[in-house]
């Protein structure tokens, strides 16, 4: 810069205006070029930072979806088994003398929640992290996925309400917990002899019990379809993320 100032001064003193303008223009061009280079470097740094954030988002989502695939596999197997057992329970209606296997099946009413992960997904959907997702197709899939999760959770809640609020109260009315006590333990002989016995025939003939089992069976079939559809979408999203990471 000092060199340009000296040259400017010399050109003005010598009256060479044309040469002065050339040097002045060169000085301006150097300043502009410096600004452009600095802007380009800053832009490249921002792109690099965004890529790092994007990769972290993709890795977090992929790990979460990979876990969900395993959980959904277990859930699908569980719902399918429940469907078979519920159908089998309905076939006991009308039978007077039930064997131990049938009684055990009727007593063991249980429901297990499916704990799907959605921390990384929720973090993307409720923050400004979407700006880092360059793949529009992937962004659309991520946007739609929470709705699929919600549908699964709502259907699962319906089944839990049937079990907790309808089926269990009827079972408690007709079935005695004496039946689940270990037979080899003689400490329970007194309660086994004089305690209130279970009424399986009355239970199986109870309308509310029958309706609860049928409703649970129908809702379980629906949940099985929802779970398989959710697994398919989870797998598609996981594949897309893996492609982006590669």
Protein backbone atom coordinates (compact mmCIF):
# COMPACT_ATOMS: atom_id res chain seq x y z
CA UNK A 1 0.00 0.00 0.00
CA UNK A 2 2.87 2.36 0.82
CA UNK A 3 4.34 1.64 -2.61
CA UNK A 4 1.06 2.62 -4.28
CA UNK A 5 0.90 5.86 -2.29
CA UNK A 6 4.43 6.78 -3.35
CA UNK A 7 3.67 5.98 -6.95
CA UNK A 8 0.47 8.05 -6.75
CA UNK A 9 2.37 11.00 -5.44
CA UNK A 10 5.04 10.73 -8.14
CA UNK A 11 2.43 10.41 -10.92
CA UNK A 12 0.53 13.47 -9.73
CA UNK A 13 3.69 15.53 -9.42
CA UNK A 14 4.87 14.53 -12.89
CA UNK A 15 1.44 15.23 -14.35
CA UNK A 16 0.99 11.73 -15.68
CA UNK A 17 -2.71 11.44 -14.80
CA UNK A 18 -3.29 8.47 -17.08
CA UNK A 19 -0.64 6.38 -15.40
CA UNK A 20 -1.99 7.42 -12.01
CA UNK A 21 -5.45 6.19 -12.90
CA UNK A 22 -4.04 2.84 -14.00
CA UNK A 23 -2.26 2.42 -10.70
CA UNK A 24 -5.34 3.54 -8.77
CA UNK A 25 -7.46 1.03 -10.64
CA UNK A 26 -4.93 -1.68 -9.89
CA UNK A 27 -5.07 -0.79 -6.21
CA UNK A 28 -8.87 -1.04 -6.22
CA UNK A 29 -8.76 -4.37 -8.01
CA UNK A 30 -6.34 -5.74 -5.42
CA UNK A 31 -8.67 -4.65 -2.59
CA UNK A 32 -11.69 -6.21 -4.30
CA UNK A 33 -9.75 -9.39 -5.00
CA UNK A 34 -8.72 -9.59 -1.34
CA UNK A 35 -12.35 -9.19 -0.25
CA UNK A 36 -13.50 -11.89 -2.67
CA UNK A 37 -10.82 -14.30 -1.49
CA UNK A 38 -11.73 -13.67 2.16
CA UNK A 39 -15.44 -14.16 1.35
CA UNK A 40 -14.69 -17.39 -0.51
CA UNK A 41 -12.60 -18.74 2.37
CA UNK A 42 -15.40 -17.87 4.82
CA UNK A 43 -17.97 -19.57 2.57
CA UNK A 44 -15.86 -22.72 2.31
CA UNK A 45 -15.48 -22.78 6.10
CA UNK A 46 -19.26 -22.49 6.53
CA UNK A 47 -19.81 -25.33 4.04
CA UNK A 48 -17.28 -27.47 5.90
CA UNK A 49 -18.97 -26.75 9.24
CA UNK A 50 -22.41 -27.52 7.78
CA UNK A 51 -21.13 -30.81 6.39
CA UNK A 52 -19.84 -31.79 9.82
CA UNK A 53 -23.20 -30.95 11.43
CA UNK A 54 -25.06 -32.76 8.65
CA UNK A 55 -22.95 -35.88 9.10
CA UNK A 56 -23.57 -35.87 12.86
CA UNK A 57 -27.32 -35.59 12.23
CA UNK A 58 -27.26 -38.46 9.74
CA UNK A 59 -25.18 -40.69 12.03
CA UNK A 60 -27.48 -40.03 15.00
CA UNK A 61 -30.61 -40.71 12.95
CA UNK A 62 -29.16 -43.85 11.38
CA UNK A 63 -28.19 -45.34 14.76
CA UNK A 64 -31.64 -44.54 16.13
CA UNK A 65 -33.43 -46.10 13.15
CA UNK A 66 -31.17 -49.16 13.24
CA UNK A 67 -32.19 -49.69 16.88
CA UNK A 68 -35.86 -49.23 15.97
CA UNK A 69 -35.62 -51.88 13.28
CA UNK A 70 -34.49 -54.41 15.88
CA UNK A 71 -37.22 -53.30 18.31
CA UNK A 72 -39.88 -53.52 15.60
CA UNK A 73 -38.76 -57.04 14.65
CA UNK A 74 -39.33 -58.10 18.25
CA UNK A 75 -42.63 -56.21 18.39
CA UNK A 76 -43.96 -57.80 15.19
CA UNK A 77 -43.11 -61.25 16.53
CA UNK A 78 -44.79 -60.43 19.84
CA UNK A 79 -47.99 -59.12 18.24
CA UNK A 80 -48.21 -62.12 15.95
CA UNK A 81 -47.87 -64.48 18.94
CA UNK A 82 -50.51 -62.50 20.82
CA UNK A 83 -52.85 -62.79 17.87
CA UNK A 84 -52.48 -66.58 17.85
CA UNK A 85 -52.99 -66.87 21.63
CA UNK A 86 -56.08 -64.63 21.60
CA UNK A 87 -57.63 -66.73 18.84
CA UNK A 88 -56.82 -69.84 20.83
CA UNK A 89 -58.45 -68.32 23.93
CA UNK A 90 -61.70 -67.72 22.02
CA UNK A 91 -61.75 -71.39 21.01
CA UNK A 92 -62.03 -72.35 24.70
CA UNK A 93 -65.47 -70.73 24.97
CA UNK A 94 -68.05 -73.46 25.56
CA UNK A 95 -65.57 -76.03 26.85
CA UNK A 96 -66.42 -77.20 30.38
CA UNK A 97 -63.28 -79.04 31.49
CA UNK A 98 -60.16 -77.03 30.73
CA UNK A 99 -56.69 -78.51 31.05
CA UNK A 100 -53.81 -76.73 32.79
CA UNK A 101 -52.43 -75.36 29.53
CA UNK A 102 -55.76 -73.67 28.77
CA UNK A 103 -56.03 -72.22 32.27
CA UNK A 104 -52.47 -70.89 32.15
CA UNK A 105 -53.19 -69.21 28.83
CA UNK A 106 -56.31 -67.50 30.19
CA UNK A 107 -54.54 -66.29 33.33
CA UNK A 108 -51.42 -64.91 31.69
CA UNK A 109 -52.82 -61.66 30.39
CA UNK A 110 -49.96 -59.30 29.80
CA UNK A 111 -49.03 -56.33 27.64
CA UNK A 112 -45.59 -54.99 26.88
CA UNK A 113 -44.91 -51.53 25.52
CA UNK A 114 -42.73 -51.13 22.46
CA UNK A 115 -40.03 -48.60 23.32
CA UNK A 116 -39.08 -47.01 20.03
CA UNK A 117 -36.35 -44.37 20.04
CA UNK A 118 -37.08 -40.91 18.63
CA UNK A 119 -34.65 -38.54 20.39
CA UNK A 120 -32.55 -37.73 17.32
CA UNK A 121 -35.61 -37.50 15.11
CA UNK A 122 -37.34 -35.16 17.56
CA UNK A 123 -34.23 -33.00 17.76
CA UNK A 124 -34.27 -32.49 13.99
CA UNK A 125 -38.01 -31.81 13.77
CA UNK A 126 -38.22 -29.26 16.59
CA UNK A 127 -35.03 -27.31 15.83
CA UNK A 128 -33.47 -25.55 12.85
CA UNK A 129 -31.38 -28.59 11.90
CA UNK A 130 -33.46 -29.11 8.75
CA UNK A 131 -31.38 -26.39 7.09
CA UNK A 132 -28.44 -28.80 7.10
CA UNK A 133 -30.30 -31.53 5.17
CA UNK A 134 -29.44 -31.13 1.50
CA UNK A 135 -31.34 -34.17 0.23
CA UNK A 136 -34.99 -33.09 -0.26
CA UNK A 137 -36.27 -36.68 -0.52
CA UNK A 138 -34.58 -37.56 2.75
CA UNK A 139 -35.93 -34.42 4.42
CA UNK A 140 -39.48 -35.35 3.33
CA UNK A 141 -39.11 -38.87 4.75
CA UNK A 142 -37.85 -37.48 8.05
CA UNK A 143 -40.77 -35.04 8.16
CA UNK A 144 -43.35 -37.81 7.62
CA UNK A 145 -41.81 -40.36 9.97
CA UNK A 146 -43.13 -38.86 13.26
CA UNK A 147 -46.71 -39.32 11.98
CA UNK A 148 -46.02 -43.02 11.41
CA UNK A 149 -44.57 -43.33 14.91
CA UNK A 150 -47.60 -41.56 16.39
CA UNK A 151 -50.00 -43.93 14.62
CA UNK A 152 -48.11 -46.92 16.04
CA UNK A 153 -48.10 -45.48 19.58
CA UNK A 154 -51.80 -44.56 19.48
CA UNK A 155 -52.79 -48.05 18.36
CA UNK A 156 -50.60 -49.59 21.04
CA UNK A 157 -52.32 -47.40 23.64
CA UNK A 158 -55.72 -48.71 22.50
CA UNK A 159 -54.58 -52.27 23.17
CA UNK A 160 -53.16 -51.36 26.57
CA UNK A 161 -56.46 -49.72 27.56
CA UNK A 162 -58.37 -52.88 26.60
CA UNK A 163 -56.07 -55.03 28.72
CA UNK A 164 -55.85 -52.72 31.75
CA UNK A 165 -59.36 -51.26 31.89
CA UNK A 166 -61.57 -54.00 30.50
CA UNK A 167 -59.92 -57.40 30.53
CA UNK A 168 -58.09 -57.37 33.87
CA UNK A 169 -61.15 -56.30 35.95
CA UNK A 170 -63.18 -59.23 34.54
CA UNK A 171 -60.35 -61.66 35.21
CA UNK A 172 -60.05 -60.46 38.80
CA UNK A 173 -63.77 -61.13 39.25
CA UNK A 174 -63.63 -64.76 38.12
CA UNK A 175 -60.03 -65.92 38.55
CA UNK A 176 -58.28 -66.57 41.84
CA UNK A 177 -54.55 -65.89 42.07
CA UNK A 178 -54.30 -69.20 43.91
CA UNK A 179 -53.98 -70.78 40.47
CA UNK A 180 -50.60 -69.16 39.87
CA UNK A 181 -49.07 -70.34 43.13
CA UNK A 182 -46.39 -73.03 42.68
CA UNK A 183 -47.94 -76.46 43.22
CA UNK A 184 -44.76 -77.96 44.68
CA UNK A 185 -44.76 -75.43 47.54
CA UNK A 186 -46.76 -76.97 50.42
CA UNK A 187 -46.88 -73.68 52.31
CA UNK A 188 -49.88 -72.77 50.14
CA UNK A 189 -51.90 -75.93 50.88
CA UNK A 190 -54.22 -74.13 53.31
CA UNK A 191 -55.22 -71.37 50.92
CA UNK A 192 -55.43 -73.89 48.12
CA UNK A 193 -57.87 -76.04 50.09
CA UNK A 194 -60.13 -73.40 51.64
CA UNK A 195 -59.62 -70.38 49.41
CA UNK A 196 -62.06 -69.17 46.76
CA UNK A 197 -61.70 -71.17 43.56
CA UNK A 198 -61.52 -69.77 40.04
CA UNK A 199 -64.59 -69.92 37.84
CA UNK A 200 -63.25 -70.45 34.33
CA UNK A 201 -66.64 -71.47 32.92
CA UNK A 202 -68.23 -68.29 34.21
CA UNK A 203 -65.36 -66.22 32.84
CA UNK A 204 -65.54 -67.74 29.36
CA UNK A 205 -69.32 -67.21 29.29
CA UNK A 206 -69.02 -63.59 30.40
CA UNK A 207 -69.99 -61.19 27.61
CA UNK A 208 -67.57 -58.46 28.65
CA UNK A 209 -64.71 -60.97 28.71
CA UNK A 210 -65.60 -62.27 25.25
CA UNK A 211 -65.94 -58.73 23.85
CA UNK A 212 -62.62 -57.68 25.40
CA UNK A 213 -60.77 -60.65 23.90
CA UNK A 214 -62.36 -60.08 20.48
CA UNK A 215 -61.60 -56.35 20.60
CA UNK A 216 -58.00 -57.02 21.63
CA UNK A 217 -57.66 -59.54 18.82
CA UNK A 218 -58.96 -57.08 16.20
CA UNK A 219 -56.80 -54.22 17.50
CA UNK A 220 -53.77 -56.51 17.60
CA UNK A 221 -54.27 -57.46 13.96
CA UNK A 222 -54.43 -53.76 13.07
CA UNK A 223 -51.31 -53.07 15.11
CA UNK A 224 -49.49 -55.91 13.39
CA UNK A 225 -50.13 -54.27 10.00
CA UNK A 226 -49.12 -50.85 11.35
CA UNK A 227 -45.91 -52.31 12.81
CA UNK A 228 -44.95 -54.00 9.53
CA UNK A 229 -45.64 -50.79 7.60
CA UNK A 230 -43.61 -48.76 10.10
CA UNK A 231 -40.73 -51.21 9.82
CA UNK A 232 -40.76 -50.87 6.04
CA UNK A 233 -40.62 -47.07 6.24
CA UNK A 234 -37.93 -47.24 8.92
CA UNK A 235 -35.81 -49.47 6.70
CA UNK A 236 -36.24 -47.17 3.68
CA UNK A 237 -35.21 -44.15 5.74
CA UNK A 238 -32.22 -46.00 7.20
CA UNK A 239 -31.07 -47.03 3.70
CA UNK A 240 -31.34 -43.43 2.46
CA UNK A 241 -29.30 -42.20 5.41
CA UNK A 242 -26.65 -44.85 4.85
CA UNK A 243 -26.38 -43.81 1.19
CA UNK A 244 -25.88 -40.20 2.22
CA UNK A 245 -23.21 -41.18 4.73
CA UNK A 246 -21.36 -43.17 2.11
